[in-house]
Amino acid sequence: MTKNNSVHFMSLRSDWETPKEFYAGLNEEFCFTFDPCPSNPIFDGLNIEWGNINFCNPPYGRQITAWIKKGYEESLKGKLIVFLLPSRTDTKWWHDYVMEADEIRFIKGRLKFDGAKNCAPFPSCVVVFRGKQSIIKRPRLPK
């Protein structure tokens, strides 16, 4: 295997800044009131209560599971959570949490994240947990 092929589906970074235009479209639809994972963190979003209408583009490294689990748990409290995530349908976190979402929107093509020279080396998706509106439809996952 050549060096280039060994990282074909990997990323050497985990901090992908949401494209402003892409965020604006989502914000127009959902009217976000909180971002638990801002690009310049001033608090630890994993250890605080989230807002009522949340946008979260978490770090895409090993911590991603903790962020998605936290978002799922916040949605069980009746909060709306909108994630921008890599489409990694083969992972445990995808099956444990993302498959419990009310909506998964696969993004056609590859996003060009702000601050990046090129498009992302992975596909992306928007995952929506609708809080109170959907608690009745989905049972709580075992811990």
N, C-alpha and C. Protein backbone atom coordinates (compact mmCIF):
# COMPACT_ATOMS: atom_id res chain seq x y z
N MET A 1 0.84 -1.17 0.00
CA MET A 1 0.00 0.00 0.00
C MET A 1 0.89 1.24 0.00
N THR A 2 0.60 2.17 -0.84
CA THR A 2 1.41 3.39 -0.87
C THR A 2 0.97 4.34 0.24
N LYS A 3 1.81 5.28 0.54
CA LYS A 3 1.52 6.24 1.59
C LYS A 3 0.23 7.00 1.29
N ASN A 4 0.01 7.41 0.06
CA ASN A 4 -1.20 8.16 -0.30
C ASN A 4 -2.46 7.34 -0.08
N ASN A 5 -2.44 6.06 -0.44
CA ASN A 5 -3.63 5.23 -0.27
C ASN A 5 -3.94 4.96 1.20
N SER A 6 -2.95 4.97 2.06
CA SER A 6 -3.18 4.62 3.46
C SER A 6 -4.00 5.66 4.20
N VAL A 7 -4.09 6.87 3.68
CA VAL A 7 -4.89 7.91 4.35
C VAL A 7 -6.06 8.36 3.49
N HIS A 8 -6.41 7.57 2.50
CA HIS A 8 -7.47 7.98 1.57
C HIS A 8 -8.77 8.34 2.26
N PHE A 9 -9.19 7.59 3.27
CA PHE A 9 -10.44 7.87 3.94
C PHE A 9 -10.24 8.45 5.34
N MET A 10 -9.04 8.94 5.61
CA MET A 10 -8.73 9.52 6.91
C MET A 10 -8.49 11.01 6.75
N SER A 11 -8.49 11.68 7.86
CA SER A 11 -8.15 13.09 7.89
C SER A 11 -7.04 13.27 8.92
N LEU A 12 -6.09 14.11 8.61
CA LEU A 12 -5.01 14.35 9.54
C LEU A 12 -5.37 15.44 10.54
N ARG A 13 -6.58 15.99 10.43
CA ARG A 13 -7.02 17.01 11.37
C ARG A 13 -8.41 16.67 11.88
N SER A 14 -8.78 17.27 13.01
CA SER A 14 -10.09 16.99 13.59
C SER A 14 -10.93 18.24 13.76
N ASP A 15 -10.33 19.41 13.52
CA ASP A 15 -11.02 20.68 13.75
C ASP A 15 -11.45 21.33 12.44
N TRP A 16 -12.55 20.86 11.91
CA TRP A 16 -13.06 21.35 10.63
C TRP A 16 -14.06 22.46 10.88
N GLU A 17 -13.71 23.71 10.51
CA GLU A 17 -14.57 24.85 10.77
C GLU A 17 -15.72 24.91 9.76
N THR A 18 -16.93 24.99 10.27
CA THR A 18 -18.13 24.98 9.44
C THR A 18 -18.09 26.09 8.39
N PRO A 19 -18.37 25.76 7.13
CA PRO A 19 -18.45 26.80 6.10
C PRO A 19 -19.55 27.80 6.47
N LYS A 20 -19.23 29.09 6.45
CA LYS A 20 -20.17 30.13 6.88
C LYS A 20 -21.49 30.10 6.11
N GLU A 21 -21.42 29.93 4.82
CA GLU A 21 -22.63 29.91 3.99
C GLU A 21 -23.50 28.69 4.32
N PHE A 22 -22.86 27.57 4.55
CA PHE A 22 -23.58 26.34 4.91
C PHE A 22 -24.28 26.52 6.25
N TYR A 23 -23.55 27.07 7.24
CA TYR A 23 -24.13 27.33 8.55
C TYR A 23 -25.30 28.31 8.44
N ALA A 24 -25.15 29.35 7.64
CA ALA A 24 -26.21 30.35 7.49
C ALA A 24 -27.51 29.72 7.02
N GLY A 25 -27.42 28.77 6.09
CA GLY A 25 -28.62 28.08 5.61
C GLY A 25 -29.28 27.28 6.71
N LEU A 26 -28.48 26.56 7.50
CA LEU A 26 -29.04 25.79 8.61
C LEU A 26 -29.62 26.72 9.68
N ASN A 27 -28.92 27.80 9.96
CA ASN A 27 -29.39 28.75 10.96
C ASN A 27 -30.70 29.40 10.54
N GLU A 28 -30.85 29.66 9.27
CA GLU A 28 -32.10 30.23 8.76
C GLU A 28 -33.26 29.26 9.01
N GLU A 29 -33.00 27.98 8.85
CA GLU A 29 -34.02 26.97 9.06
C GLU A 29 -34.32 26.73 10.54
N PHE A 30 -33.29 26.65 11.38
CA PHE A 30 -33.47 26.24 12.77
C PHE A 30 -33.39 27.37 13.80
N CYS A 31 -32.79 28.51 13.45
CA CYS A 31 -32.62 29.65 14.39
C CYS A 31 -31.89 29.22 15.67
N PHE A 32 -30.64 28.83 15.53
CA PHE A 32 -29.84 28.32 16.64
C PHE A 32 -29.69 29.35 17.76
N THR A 33 -29.70 28.84 18.98
CA THR A 33 -29.49 29.70 20.15
C THR A 33 -28.21 29.36 20.89
N PHE A 34 -27.55 28.23 20.51
CA PHE A 34 -26.35 27.83 21.24
C PHE A 34 -25.47 26.93 20.38
N ASP A 35 -24.16 27.09 20.57
CA ASP A 35 -23.16 26.22 19.95
C ASP A 35 -22.29 25.66 21.06
N PRO A 36 -22.50 24.39 21.43
CA PRO A 36 -21.72 23.81 22.52
C PRO A 36 -20.27 23.52 22.17
N CYS A 37 -19.92 23.71 20.91
CA CYS A 37 -18.57 23.39 20.46
C CYS A 37 -18.05 24.50 19.53
N PRO A 38 -17.92 25.73 20.05
CA PRO A 38 -17.47 26.83 19.19
C PRO A 38 -16.02 26.66 18.75
N SER A 39 -15.66 27.32 17.66
CA SER A 39 -14.30 27.16 17.14
C SER A 39 -13.24 27.72 18.10
N ASN A 40 -13.60 28.70 18.91
CA ASN A 40 -12.70 29.22 19.95
C ASN A 40 -13.32 28.92 21.30
N PRO A 41 -13.09 27.70 21.81
CA PRO A 41 -13.81 27.27 23.02
C PRO A 41 -13.48 28.11 24.24
N ILE A 42 -14.54 28.55 24.91
CA ILE A 42 -14.40 29.30 26.17
C ILE A 42 -14.99 28.49 27.32
N PHE A 43 -15.50 27.30 27.00
CA PHE A 43 -16.07 26.39 27.99
C PHE A 43 -15.97 24.98 27.44
N ASP A 44 -16.21 24.00 28.29
CA ASP A 44 -16.17 22.60 27.88
C ASP A 44 -17.60 22.15 27.61
N GLY A 45 -17.98 22.09 26.35
CA GLY A 45 -19.34 21.74 25.95
C GLY A 45 -19.78 20.34 26.35
N LEU A 46 -18.84 19.49 26.67
CA LEU A 46 -19.20 18.14 27.12
C LEU A 46 -19.64 18.12 28.58
N ASN A 47 -19.33 19.18 29.31
CA ASN A 47 -19.61 19.20 30.74
C ASN A 47 -20.55 20.33 31.16
N ILE A 48 -21.34 20.84 30.23
CA ILE A 48 -22.32 21.87 30.56
C ILE A 48 -23.66 21.49 29.96
N GLU A 49 -24.69 22.15 30.45
CA GLU A 49 -26.04 22.00 29.90
C GLU A 49 -26.08 22.75 28.57
N TRP A 50 -26.66 22.15 27.53
CA TRP A 50 -26.75 22.80 26.23
C TRP A 50 -28.00 23.66 26.17
N GLY A 51 -28.07 24.52 25.16
CA GLY A 51 -29.21 25.40 24.97
C GLY A 51 -30.42 24.65 24.41
N ASN A 52 -31.43 25.40 24.04
CA ASN A 52 -32.66 24.78 23.52
C ASN A 52 -32.57 24.40 22.05
N ILE A 53 -31.85 25.21 21.25
CA ILE A 53 -31.72 24.95 19.81
C ILE A 53 -30.23 25.01 19.48
N ASN A 54 -29.61 23.86 19.30
CA ASN A 54 -28.15 23.74 19.24
C ASN A 54 -27.63 23.35 17.87
N PHE A 55 -26.51 23.99 17.50
CA PHE A 55 -25.73 23.56 16.34
C PHE A 55 -24.41 23.05 16.88
N CYS A 56 -23.99 21.87 16.43
CA CYS A 56 -22.73 21.30 16.91
C CYS A 56 -21.95 20.67 15.77
N ASN A 57 -20.78 21.20 15.52
CA ASN A 57 -19.81 20.62 14.59
C ASN A 57 -18.63 20.18 15.47
N PRO A 58 -18.69 18.95 16.01
CA PRO A 58 -17.70 18.52 16.99
C PRO A 58 -16.35 18.20 16.36
N PRO A 59 -15.30 18.08 17.18
CA PRO A 59 -14.03 17.57 16.66
C PRO A 59 -14.26 16.18 16.09
N TYR A 60 -13.67 15.89 14.95
CA TYR A 60 -13.92 14.63 14.26
C TYR A 60 -12.97 13.52 14.65
N GLY A 61 -12.19 13.72 15.67
CA GLY A 61 -11.24 12.70 16.13
C GLY A 61 -11.89 11.73 17.11
N ARG A 62 -11.10 11.20 18.01
CA ARG A 62 -11.56 10.18 18.95
C ARG A 62 -12.67 10.67 19.89
N GLN A 63 -12.76 11.98 20.09
CA GLN A 63 -13.78 12.53 20.99
C GLN A 63 -15.17 12.60 20.37
N ILE A 64 -15.30 12.31 19.10
CA ILE A 64 -16.59 12.48 18.43
C ILE A 64 -17.70 11.69 19.10
N THR A 65 -17.40 10.49 19.58
CA THR A 65 -18.43 9.68 20.23
C THR A 65 -19.00 10.40 21.44
N ALA A 66 -18.15 11.00 22.25
CA ALA A 66 -18.60 11.70 23.45
C ALA A 66 -19.52 12.87 23.08
N TRP A 67 -19.19 13.58 22.00
CA TRP A 67 -20.01 14.71 21.57
C TRP A 67 -21.38 14.25 21.08
N ILE A 68 -21.40 13.19 20.30
CA ILE A 68 -22.67 12.72 19.76
C ILE A 68 -23.53 12.13 20.88
N LYS A 69 -22.92 11.41 21.79
CA LYS A 69 -23.65 10.88 22.93
C LYS A 69 -24.25 12.02 23.75
N LYS A 70 -23.46 13.05 24.01
CA LYS A 70 -23.94 14.21 24.77
C LYS A 70 -25.11 14.87 24.05
N GLY A 71 -25.01 15.06 22.74
CA GLY A 71 -26.09 15.66 21.98
C GLY A 71 -27.35 14.82 22.03
N TYR A 72 -27.19 13.51 21.91
CA TYR A 72 -28.33 12.60 22.00
C TYR A 72 -29.00 12.74 23.37
N GLU A 73 -28.20 12.75 24.43
CA GLU A 73 -28.74 12.87 25.79
C GLU A 73 -29.43 14.21 26.00
N GLU A 74 -28.87 15.28 25.44
CA GLU A 74 -29.51 16.59 25.53
C GLU A 74 -30.85 16.59 24.79
N SER A 75 -30.93 15.87 23.69
CA SER A 75 -32.20 15.80 22.95
C SER A 75 -33.27 15.09 23.77
N LEU A 76 -32.87 14.15 24.61
CA LEU A 76 -33.83 13.46 25.47
C LEU A 76 -34.41 14.39 26.53
N LYS A 77 -33.75 15.53 26.73
CA LYS A 77 -34.25 16.55 27.66
C LYS A 77 -35.18 17.53 26.93
N GLY A 78 -35.44 17.27 25.65
CA GLY A 78 -36.35 18.10 24.89
C GLY A 78 -35.68 19.17 24.04
N LYS A 79 -34.37 19.09 23.87
CA LYS A 79 -33.64 20.11 23.11
C LYS A 79 -33.45 19.67 21.67
N LEU A 80 -33.43 20.64 20.77
CA LEU A 80 -33.16 20.37 19.36
C LEU A 80 -31.65 20.40 19.16
N ILE A 81 -31.11 19.36 18.54
CA ILE A 81 -29.67 19.26 18.30
C ILE A 81 -29.46 19.01 16.82
N VAL A 82 -28.65 19.85 16.18
CA VAL A 82 -28.29 19.68 14.78
C VAL A 82 -26.78 19.52 14.72
N PHE A 83 -26.35 18.37 14.24
CA PHE A 83 -24.93 18.07 14.11
C PHE A 83 -24.51 18.18 12.65
N LEU A 84 -23.29 18.65 12.42
CA LEU A 84 -22.60 18.50 11.14
C LEU A 84 -21.53 17.45 11.41
N LEU A 85 -21.63 16.32 10.71
CA LEU A 85 -20.77 15.17 11.01
C LEU A 85 -20.18 14.56 9.74
N PRO A 86 -19.07 13.86 9.90
CA PRO A 86 -18.60 13.04 8.79
C PRO A 86 -19.55 11.84 8.65
N SER A 87 -19.82 11.43 7.44
CA SER A 87 -20.70 10.27 7.20
C SER A 87 -19.87 9.00 7.37
N ARG A 88 -19.83 8.51 8.58
CA ARG A 88 -19.05 7.31 8.87
C ARG A 88 -20.00 6.22 9.33
N THR A 89 -20.72 5.70 8.35
CA THR A 89 -21.81 4.76 8.63
C THR A 89 -21.35 3.40 9.14
N ASP A 90 -20.07 3.16 9.12
CA ASP A 90 -19.54 1.88 9.58
C ASP A 90 -19.06 1.90 11.03
N THR A 91 -19.25 3.03 11.71
CA THR A 91 -18.72 3.16 13.07
C THR A 91 -19.76 2.80 14.12
N LYS A 92 -19.26 2.47 15.29
CA LYS A 92 -20.15 2.15 16.42
C LYS A 92 -20.98 3.37 16.80
N TRP A 93 -20.35 4.56 16.86
CA TRP A 93 -21.10 5.76 17.25
C TRP A 93 -22.23 6.06 16.28
N TRP A 94 -22.03 5.75 15.01
CA TRP A 94 -23.10 5.98 14.03
C TRP A 94 -24.31 5.11 14.37
N HIS A 95 -24.05 3.84 14.62
CA HIS A 95 -25.16 2.91 14.89
C HIS A 95 -25.76 3.12 16.28
N ASP A 96 -24.94 3.49 17.26
CA ASP A 96 -25.45 3.71 18.61
C ASP A 96 -26.28 4.99 18.74
N TYR A 97 -25.89 6.05 18.03
CA TYR A 97 -26.54 7.36 18.23
C TYR A 97 -27.16 7.95 16.97
N VAL A 98 -26.41 8.04 15.91
CA VAL A 98 -26.93 8.70 14.70
C VAL A 98 -28.17 7.99 14.17
N MET A 99 -28.20 6.69 14.25
CA MET A 99 -29.36 5.95 13.77
C MET A 99 -30.61 6.20 14.62
N GLU A 100 -30.44 6.84 15.77
CA GLU A 100 -31.58 7.22 16.63
C GLU A 100 -32.10 8.61 16.26
N ALA A 101 -31.44 9.31 15.35
CA ALA A 101 -31.82 10.67 14.97
C ALA A 101 -33.17 10.68 14.26
N ASP A 102 -33.80 11.83 14.29
CA ASP A 102 -35.07 12.02 13.59
C ASP A 102 -34.86 12.25 12.10
N GLU A 103 -33.67 12.73 11.76
CA GLU A 103 -33.39 13.03 10.35
C GLU A 103 -31.89 12.96 10.10
N ILE A 104 -31.53 12.38 8.97
CA ILE A 104 -30.14 12.36 8.51
C ILE A 104 -30.15 12.89 7.09
N ARG A 105 -29.42 13.97 6.84
CA ARG A 105 -29.33 14.58 5.51
C ARG A 105 -27.92 14.36 4.98
N PHE A 106 -27.78 13.52 3.99
CA PHE A 106 -26.47 13.30 3.38
C PHE A 106 -26.19 14.45 2.41
N ILE A 107 -24.99 14.98 2.49
CA ILE A 107 -24.60 16.12 1.66
C ILE A 107 -23.97 15.62 0.38
N LYS A 108 -24.50 16.09 -0.73
CA LYS A 108 -23.97 15.71 -2.03
C LYS A 108 -22.60 16.36 -2.22
N GLY A 109 -21.64 15.59 -2.64
CA GLY A 109 -20.28 16.11 -2.82
C GLY A 109 -19.56 16.25 -1.49
N ARG A 110 -18.46 16.97 -1.51
CA ARG A 110 -17.64 17.16 -0.32
C ARG A 110 -17.67 18.64 0.07
N LEU A 111 -17.82 18.90 1.37
CA LEU A 111 -17.81 20.28 1.85
C LEU A 111 -16.40 20.85 1.80
N LYS A 112 -16.32 22.13 1.56
CA LYS A 112 -15.05 22.85 1.68
C LYS A 112 -15.15 23.64 2.98
N PHE A 113 -14.52 23.12 4.02
CA PHE A 113 -14.58 23.75 5.33
C PHE A 113 -13.78 25.04 5.34
N ASP A 114 -14.24 26.02 6.12
CA ASP A 114 -13.53 27.29 6.22
C ASP A 114 -12.12 27.03 6.74
N GLY A 115 -11.15 27.72 6.17
CA GLY A 115 -9.76 27.57 6.57
C GLY A 115 -9.04 26.42 5.88
N ALA A 116 -9.74 25.63 5.08
CA ALA A 116 -9.11 24.50 4.38
C ALA A 116 -8.82 24.89 2.94
N LYS A 117 -7.71 24.38 2.40
CA LYS A 117 -7.35 24.64 1.00
C LYS A 117 -8.28 23.91 0.04
N ASN A 118 -8.60 22.67 0.39
CA ASN A 118 -9.39 21.81 -0.50
C ASN A 118 -10.64 21.32 0.20
N CYS A 119 -11.44 20.63 -0.55
CA CYS A 119 -12.63 20.00 0.03
C CYS A 119 -12.21 18.91 1.01
N ALA A 120 -13.10 18.57 1.91
CA ALA A 120 -12.82 17.53 2.91
C ALA A 120 -12.55 16.20 2.22
N PRO A 121 -11.71 15.36 2.83
CA PRO A 121 -11.42 14.04 2.25
C PRO A 121 -12.47 12.99 2.65
N PHE A 122 -13.64 13.45 3.10
CA PHE A 122 -14.69 12.54 3.55
C PHE A 122 -16.05 13.15 3.24
N PRO A 123 -17.08 12.33 3.11
CA PRO A 123 -18.44 12.85 2.94
C PRO A 123 -18.98 13.35 4.28
N SER A 124 -19.95 14.25 4.23
CA SER A 124 -20.53 14.82 5.44
C SER A 124 -22.05 14.66 5.44
N CYS A 125 -22.63 14.90 6.61
CA CYS A 125 -24.08 14.84 6.73
C CYS A 125 -24.53 15.77 7.85
N VAL A 126 -25.81 16.10 7.82
CA VAL A 126 -26.45 16.85 8.89
C VAL A 126 -27.36 15.88 9.61
N VAL A 127 -27.24 15.81 10.92
CA VAL A 127 -28.02 14.88 11.74
C VAL A 127 -28.86 15.72 12.70
N VAL A 128 -30.16 15.45 12.72
CA VAL A 128 -31.09 16.26 13.51
C VAL A 128 -31.80 15.39 14.55
N PHE A 129 -31.66 15.80 15.81
CA PHE A 129 -32.43 15.23 16.91
C PHE A 129 -33.43 16.32 17.31
N ARG A 130 -34.72 16.03 17.21
CA ARG A 130 -35.74 17.06 17.40
C ARG A 130 -36.27 17.22 18.82
N GLY A 131 -35.65 16.64 19.79
CA GLY A 131 -36.05 16.88 21.17
C GLY A 131 -37.44 16.39 21.49
N LYS A 132 -38.21 17.20 22.20
CA LYS A 132 -39.55 16.81 22.68
C LYS A 132 -40.44 16.28 21.57
N GLN A 133 -40.31 16.83 20.39
CA GLN A 133 -41.17 16.41 19.29
C GLN A 133 -40.96 14.95 18.93
N SER A 134 -39.81 14.39 19.30
CA SER A 134 -39.52 13.03 18.88
C SER A 134 -39.28 12.05 20.02
N ILE A 135 -39.30 12.51 21.26
CA ILE A 135 -39.02 11.62 22.39
C ILE A 135 -40.00 10.44 22.39
N ILE A 136 -41.24 10.69 22.08
CA ILE A 136 -42.25 9.64 22.10
C ILE A 136 -41.93 8.56 21.06
N LYS A 137 -41.34 8.95 19.94
CA LYS A 137 -41.08 8.01 18.86
C LYS A 137 -39.89 7.09 19.10
N ARG A 138 -38.94 7.47 19.95
CA ARG A 138 -37.74 6.66 20.10
C ARG A 138 -37.44 6.35 21.55
N PRO A 139 -37.17 5.09 21.84
CA PRO A 139 -36.86 4.72 23.22
C PRO A 139 -35.44 5.15 23.59
N ARG A 140 -35.20 5.27 24.85
CA ARG A 140 -33.87 5.62 25.35
C ARG A 140 -32.93 4.44 25.15
N LEU A 141 -31.72 4.71 24.68
CA LEU A 141 -30.73 3.65 24.50
C LEU A 141 -30.17 3.20 25.83
N PRO A 142 -29.84 1.92 25.96
CA PRO A 142 -29.19 1.46 27.20
C PRO A 142 -27.80 2.07 27.32
N LYS A 143 -27.33 2.23 28.54
CA LYS A 143 -26.00 2.84 28.75
C LYS A 143 -24.92 1.83 28.59
